[in-house]
Amino acid sequence: MARNRRPLHHFLAPRWWPWWLGLGLLRVSVALPYRLQMALGRAAGRVAHRMLAARRFVARRNIEICFPELDPGERDALVRRHFEALGCGVLEMAMAWWGRPARLDALVTLEGLEHLEAALAHGRGAILFSAHFTPLEMSGRHLTARYEVDAMYRPSPENPLMNEILRRGRERTARRTIAKDDVRAMLKSLRANVPVWYAPDQSYRRKYSAPVTFFGEHAMTNTATSRLSALSGAPVLPFFIRRIGAAGGYVATIQPPLEDFPGDDPVADTERLNRAIEAQVRLAPEQYYWVHRKFKARPEPWPDPYASPETSGGAASR
């Protein structure tokens, strides 16, 4: 769907050539055997782990905060597995955007479609509440190939080319993409009984944000899911994907709609949503997006856990 797109010929200047080269390599990688793709992804992740010290620090700090029961060696091992999962996620993004549907069907098991169908039978749409796990694009691609779904995306002011590639990739199957702050467009979709695929779990300091606990630590979090559900009458169905087994494959699960949601308190509602994410994280902790500064920009009395590398050895603030 070509809505508000920028033509790709706008991005032919030399500054974009490295991006085009990387995208070209990803496009070619789709033709490789799946196991080779994942092996390359893990190898790329190991290289990134060695080279990206700042991201490595953020991931370790997040894991230290969320899993204080792990000893330093276990945390370091989890960080290494996370970078491997990140590398696989890049290859999975390419598969989701450019892979053959039959090949993806063989890789992804989609569970819980009955919950989505039951929700849509009421005519108010459905909010498919997701989170940033490394195989995220595989879940959306597999679902939108079967149902008319509108997909959220987060525009990046720093990289308009990737905005266009992301939108075009998702719109290969999704009905349309919606910028994550466009509440009016989301409501329009839901009132047309179209599900909205939505991942609002990253740090957020704008309107409808609040400090909400994640693994026991306060993080500035988007509470708009509660309001969106209240305004539209749409149920909220947690929707997560997990990479499984050494041989590869994925399980994408649509859970039953949350009962008595929304309630009277958007913060309490968002706490419930975070508990759903936490449960999924515990199934495959290396697959959550730990390189994002989840606990940044918090007001007093919560300190900045990323203030300096010297803080990384201490106990997390609770």
Protein backbone atom coordinates (compact mmCIF):
# COMPACT_ATOMS: atom_id res chain seq x y z
CA MET A 1 0.00 0.00 0.00
CA ALA A 2 1.70 3.23 -1.16
CA ARG A 3 0.48 5.72 1.43
CA ASN A 4 2.80 8.68 2.25
CA ARG A 5 5.82 6.86 0.82
CA ARG A 6 9.01 8.55 -0.27
CA PRO A 7 10.28 7.25 -3.62
CA LEU A 8 13.44 5.21 -3.20
CA HIS A 9 15.23 7.24 -5.84
CA HIS A 10 15.42 9.98 -3.20
CA PHE A 11 18.08 7.86 -1.50
CA LEU A 12 20.70 7.54 -4.24
CA ALA A 13 23.25 9.94 -2.73
CA PRO A 14 26.62 8.44 -1.67
CA ARG A 15 25.71 8.67 2.03
CA TRP A 16 23.14 5.89 1.43
CA TRP A 17 25.41 3.54 -0.53
CA PRO A 18 26.55 1.52 2.54
CA TRP A 19 22.90 0.99 3.47
CA TRP A 20 22.05 -0.16 -0.05
CA LEU A 21 24.99 -2.58 0.04
CA GLY A 22 23.82 -4.03 3.34
CA LEU A 23 20.25 -4.35 2.10
CA GLY A 24 21.48 -6.03 -1.06
CA LEU A 25 23.40 -8.62 0.94
CA LEU A 26 20.34 -9.27 3.08
CA ARG A 27 18.20 -9.67 -0.02
CA VAL A 28 20.64 -12.24 -1.40
CA SER A 29 20.78 -14.09 1.94
CA VAL A 30 17.12 -15.07 1.56
CA ALA A 31 18.13 -17.66 -1.05
CA LEU A 32 20.46 -19.47 1.36
CA PRO A 33 19.43 -22.61 3.30
CA TYR A 34 17.80 -21.71 6.60
CA ARG A 35 20.47 -23.34 8.79
CA LEU A 36 23.20 -21.47 6.95
CA GLN A 37 21.32 -18.20 7.40
CA MET A 38 21.11 -18.76 11.14
CA ALA A 39 24.78 -19.78 11.33
CA LEU A 40 25.73 -16.55 9.55
CA GLY A 41 23.46 -14.59 11.87
CA ARG A 42 25.09 -16.06 14.96
CA ALA A 43 28.55 -15.38 13.55
CA ALA A 44 27.61 -11.76 12.80
CA GLY A 45 26.25 -11.46 16.33
CA ARG A 46 29.53 -12.68 17.80
CA VAL A 47 31.41 -10.07 15.78
CA ALA A 48 29.00 -7.37 16.96
CA HIS A 49 29.47 -8.52 20.56
CA ARG A 50 33.20 -7.90 20.27
CA MET A 51 32.93 -4.59 18.40
CA LEU A 52 29.94 -2.80 19.95
CA ALA A 53 31.16 -2.13 23.47
CA ALA A 54 28.48 0.45 24.29
CA ARG A 55 25.64 -1.88 23.25
CA ARG A 56 27.30 -4.76 25.08
CA PHE A 57 27.37 -2.63 28.23
CA VAL A 58 23.66 -1.75 27.90
CA ALA A 59 22.68 -5.39 27.38
CA ARG A 60 24.71 -6.54 30.37
CA ARG A 61 23.31 -3.76 32.56
CA ASN A 62 19.72 -4.64 31.60
CA ILE A 63 20.30 -8.33 32.27
CA GLU A 64 21.96 -7.50 35.59
CA ILE A 65 18.88 -5.49 36.60
CA CYS A 66 16.31 -8.01 35.42
CA PHE A 67 18.10 -11.22 36.47
CA PRO A 68 19.95 -10.42 39.72
CA GLU A 69 19.93 -14.14 40.56
CA LEU A 70 22.47 -14.84 37.80
CA ASP A 71 26.16 -14.74 38.65
CA PRO A 72 28.54 -12.60 36.50
CA GLY A 73 29.59 -15.54 34.33
CA GLU A 74 25.97 -16.48 33.62
CA ARG A 75 25.15 -12.88 32.73
CA ASP A 76 28.07 -12.66 30.33
CA ALA A 77 27.02 -15.92 28.68
CA LEU A 78 23.45 -14.60 28.29
CA VAL A 79 24.77 -11.38 26.74
CA ARG A 80 26.77 -13.42 24.20
CA ARG A 81 23.70 -15.51 23.32
CA HIS A 82 21.68 -12.32 23.00
CA PHE A 83 24.07 -10.87 20.41
CA GLU A 84 23.85 -14.12 18.47
CA ALA A 85 20.05 -13.79 18.59
CA LEU A 86 20.35 -10.22 17.32
CA GLY A 87 22.38 -11.43 14.36
CA CYS A 88 19.76 -14.07 13.60
CA GLY A 89 17.08 -11.39 13.89
CA VAL A 90 18.60 -9.40 11.04
CA LEU A 91 18.49 -12.46 8.76
CA GLU A 92 14.95 -13.21 9.95
CA MET A 93 13.90 -9.69 9.03
CA ALA A 94 15.10 -10.33 5.49
CA MET A 95 13.22 -13.65 5.36
CA ALA A 96 10.03 -11.99 6.60
CA TRP A 97 10.20 -9.23 3.99
CA TRP A 98 11.46 -11.14 0.96
CA GLY A 99 11.13 -14.85 1.66
CA ARG A 100 8.79 -17.22 -0.14
CA PRO A 101 5.49 -17.69 1.75
CA ALA A 102 5.66 -21.49 1.51
CA ARG A 103 9.09 -21.51 3.10
CA LEU A 104 7.92 -19.31 5.98
CA ASP A 105 4.86 -21.48 6.50
CA ALA A 106 7.14 -24.45 7.06
CA LEU A 107 9.13 -22.57 9.71
CA VAL A 108 6.43 -20.89 11.79
CA THR A 109 3.73 -22.55 13.87
CA LEU A 110 0.94 -20.10 14.63
CA GLU A 111 -1.11 -20.90 17.73
CA GLY A 112 -4.23 -19.28 19.14
CA LEU A 113 -5.95 -18.15 15.94
CA GLU A 114 -9.26 -19.04 17.56
CA HIS A 115 -8.75 -16.20 20.05
CA LEU A 116 -8.30 -13.67 17.27
CA GLU A 117 -11.28 -14.99 15.33
CA ALA A 118 -13.49 -14.85 18.44
CA ALA A 119 -12.41 -11.28 19.13
CA LEU A 120 -13.12 -10.14 15.58
CA ALA A 121 -16.58 -11.70 15.75
CA HIS A 122 -17.56 -8.84 18.10
CA GLY A 123 -16.75 -6.28 15.40
CA ARG A 124 -14.43 -4.01 17.41
CA GLY A 125 -11.12 -5.17 16.03
CA ALA A 126 -8.33 -6.48 18.24
CA ILE A 127 -5.11 -5.07 19.67
CA LEU A 128 -2.37 -7.64 19.13
CA PHE A 129 -0.03 -6.60 21.92
CA SER A 130 3.54 -7.62 21.16
CA ALA A 131 7.07 -6.73 22.28
CA HIS A 132 10.54 -6.40 20.83
CA PHE A 133 11.86 -9.93 20.57
CA THR A 134 14.56 -10.59 17.99
CA PRO A 135 12.34 -12.72 15.63
CA LEU A 136 9.55 -10.10 15.79
CA GLU A 137 9.29 -9.62 12.03
CA MET A 138 8.66 -13.33 11.50
CA SER A 139 5.54 -13.22 13.65
CA GLY A 140 4.04 -10.28 11.85
CA ARG A 141 4.82 -11.64 8.40
CA HIS A 142 3.21 -14.97 9.17
CA LEU A 143 0.06 -13.41 10.63
CA THR A 144 -0.47 -10.68 8.05
CA ALA A 145 -0.22 -13.24 5.26
CA ARG A 146 -3.44 -14.78 6.60
CA TYR A 147 -5.47 -11.90 7.99
CA GLU A 148 -6.02 -8.28 7.12
CA VAL A 149 -3.87 -6.58 9.77
CA ASP A 150 -2.52 -3.07 10.23
CA ALA A 151 1.05 -3.00 11.55
CA MET A 152 2.59 -0.31 13.72
CA TYR A 153 6.07 1.02 13.02
CA ARG A 154 8.38 3.46 14.76
CA PRO A 155 9.66 6.16 12.37
CA SER A 156 13.32 7.03 12.75
CA PRO A 157 14.19 10.69 12.08
CA GLU A 158 17.84 9.67 11.66
CA ASN A 159 17.27 7.12 8.90
CA PRO A 160 14.40 7.84 6.49
CA LEU A 161 15.67 5.16 4.10
CA MET A 162 15.15 2.42 6.67
CA ASN A 163 11.73 3.90 7.46
CA GLU A 164 10.79 3.31 3.84
CA ILE A 165 12.31 -0.18 3.71
CA LEU A 166 10.58 -1.17 6.95
CA ARG A 167 7.21 0.10 5.79
CA ARG A 168 7.53 -1.55 2.39
CA GLY A 169 8.63 -4.80 3.97
CA ARG A 170 5.66 -4.94 6.32
CA GLU A 171 3.23 -3.70 3.68
CA ARG A 172 4.08 -6.64 1.45
CA THR A 173 1.43 -8.45 3.48
CA ALA A 174 -0.04 -6.01 6.03
CA ARG A 175 -2.95 -3.85 4.93
CA ARG A 176 -1.01 -0.74 5.91
CA THR A 177 1.52 0.56 8.41
CA ILE A 178 0.70 3.16 11.06
CA ALA A 179 3.19 5.39 12.87
CA LYS A 180 3.20 4.38 16.52
CA ASP A 181 1.93 7.76 17.79
CA ASP A 182 -0.96 8.00 15.30
CA VAL A 183 -3.80 7.14 17.69
CA ARG A 184 -6.44 8.41 15.30
CA ALA A 185 -5.35 5.97 12.58
CA MET A 186 -5.28 3.10 15.08
CA LEU A 187 -8.80 3.87 16.23
CA LYS A 188 -9.99 4.05 12.63
CA SER A 189 -8.56 0.58 11.96
CA LEU A 190 -10.07 -0.95 15.08
CA ARG A 191 -13.49 0.55 14.36
CA ALA A 192 -13.27 -1.06 10.91
CA ASN A 193 -12.74 -4.39 12.73
CA VAL A 194 -9.13 -4.60 11.57
CA PRO A 195 -6.58 -5.94 14.10
CA VAL A 196 -3.66 -3.67 14.97
CA TRP A 197 -0.26 -5.29 15.61
CA TYR A 198 1.41 -3.15 18.25
CA ALA A 199 4.68 -3.35 20.25
CA PRO A 200 4.82 -0.43 22.74
CA ASP A 201 7.34 -1.91 25.19
CA GLN A 202 10.35 0.32 24.61
CA SER A 203 11.28 3.29 26.82
CA TYR A 204 8.81 6.14 26.34
CA ARG A 205 8.70 9.67 27.80
CA ARG A 206 5.91 11.38 25.86
CA LYS A 207 2.22 11.81 26.58
CA TYR A 208 0.61 8.76 28.26
CA SER A 209 3.86 7.57 29.78
CA ALA A 210 4.46 6.55 33.39
CA PRO A 211 7.07 4.72 35.47
CA VAL A 212 5.93 1.10 35.41
CA THR A 213 7.86 -1.85 36.78
CA PHE A 214 9.59 -4.31 34.48
CA PHE A 215 11.20 -7.22 36.31
CA GLY A 216 10.78 -5.19 39.49
CA GLU A 217 12.57 -2.06 38.21
CA HIS A 218 10.76 1.12 37.15
CA ALA A 219 10.92 2.03 33.47
CA MET A 220 9.21 4.87 31.64
CA THR A 221 6.52 3.02 29.71
CA ASN A 222 3.79 3.79 27.21
CA THR A 223 0.40 3.38 28.94
CA ALA A 224 -1.66 4.19 25.83
CA THR A 225 -2.71 0.56 25.23
CA SER A 226 -5.23 0.90 28.07
CA ARG A 227 -6.63 4.12 26.62
CA LEU A 228 -6.73 2.72 23.10
CA SER A 229 -8.69 -0.29 24.30
CA ALA A 230 -11.10 1.91 26.26
CA LEU A 231 -11.76 4.26 23.34
CA SER A 232 -12.24 1.54 20.77
CA GLY A 233 -13.74 -1.29 22.80
CA ALA A 234 -11.14 -3.59 21.23
CA PRO A 235 -9.84 -6.48 23.34
CA VAL A 236 -6.10 -6.82 23.98
CA LEU A 237 -4.55 -10.14 22.97
CA PRO A 238 -0.88 -10.74 23.86
CA PHE A 239 0.96 -11.97 20.76
CA PHE A 240 4.54 -13.23 21.00
CA ILE A 241 7.00 -15.29 18.97
CA ARG A 242 9.87 -17.51 20.07
CA ARG A 243 12.69 -19.15 18.13
CA ILE A 244 12.92 -22.80 19.14
CA GLY A 245 15.44 -25.60 18.86
CA ALA A 246 18.86 -25.90 17.30
CA ALA A 247 17.28 -27.01 14.03
CA GLY A 248 15.29 -23.78 13.83
CA GLY A 249 11.65 -22.87 13.63
CA TYR A 250 9.32 -20.57 15.51
CA VAL A 251 6.20 -20.66 17.64
CA ALA A 252 3.99 -17.57 17.41
CA THR A 253 1.21 -17.54 19.98
CA ILE A 254 -1.91 -15.40 20.19
CA GLN A 255 -3.05 -15.58 23.80
CA PRO A 256 -6.65 -15.16 25.00
CA PRO A 257 -7.83 -11.57 25.47
CA LEU A 258 -7.01 -10.06 28.84
CA GLU A 259 -10.01 -10.26 31.14
CA ASP A 260 -11.44 -7.09 32.73
CA PHE A 261 -9.18 -4.97 30.57
CA PRO A 262 -8.96 -2.04 30.58
CA GLY A 263 -9.51 -1.24 34.23
CA ASP A 264 -9.74 2.10 35.97
CA ASP A 265 -5.99 2.66 36.23
CA PRO A 266 -3.83 2.75 33.05
CA VAL A 267 -0.68 2.19 35.10
CA ALA A 268 -2.14 -0.95 36.68
CA ASP A 269 -3.22 -2.09 33.21
CA THR A 270 0.31 -1.55 31.91
CA GLU A 271 1.71 -3.51 34.84
CA ARG A 272 -0.42 -6.44 33.67
CA LEU A 273 0.96 -6.08 30.15
CA ASN A 274 4.52 -6.03 31.46
CA ARG A 275 3.87 -9.23 33.41
CA ALA A 276 2.83 -10.87 30.12
CA ILE A 277 6.08 -9.73 28.48
CA GLU A 278 8.13 -10.95 31.44
CA ALA A 279 6.57 -14.40 31.20
CA GLN A 280 7.56 -14.59 27.54
CA VAL A 281 11.07 -13.29 28.25
CA ARG A 282 11.64 -16.09 30.76
CA LEU A 283 10.92 -18.68 28.05
CA ALA A 284 13.86 -17.46 25.94
CA PRO A 285 15.68 -14.62 27.71
CA GLU A 286 18.34 -14.22 25.02
CA GLN A 287 15.66 -13.26 22.48
CA TYR A 288 14.43 -10.06 24.16
CA TYR A 289 15.89 -6.80 22.85
CA TRP A 290 18.35 -6.10 25.68
CA VAL A 291 20.53 -3.60 23.75
CA HIS A 292 17.76 -0.99 24.11
CA ARG A 293 18.11 1.31 27.14
CA LYS A 294 14.86 0.23 28.72
CA PHE A 295 15.48 2.09 32.00
CA LYS A 296 16.73 5.41 30.62
CA ALA A 297 15.43 8.94 31.33
CA ARG A 298 13.67 8.12 34.60
CA PRO A 299 12.61 10.92 36.95
CA GLU A 300 13.74 11.16 40.54
CA PRO A 301 14.21 9.16 42.71
CA TRP A 302 15.34 6.53 40.19
CA PRO A 303 18.95 6.88 39.02
CA ASP A 304 20.27 6.35 35.51
CA PRO A 305 21.60 2.77 35.45
CA TYR A 306 23.60 3.51 32.30
CA ALA A 307 25.42 6.53 33.71
CA SER A 308 28.89 4.99 33.45
CA PRO A 309 30.47 1.57 32.88
CA GLU A 310 31.81 1.70 36.43
CA THR A 311 28.27 1.16 37.72
CA SER A 312 27.90 -2.15 35.88
CA GLY A 313 29.36 -4.23 38.68
CA GLY A 314 27.02 -3.01 41.39
CA ALA A 315 23.59 -4.12 42.45
CA ALA A 316 20.64 -2.79 40.54
CA SER A 317 18.59 -0.04 42.14
CA ARG A 318 15.26 -1.28 43.33
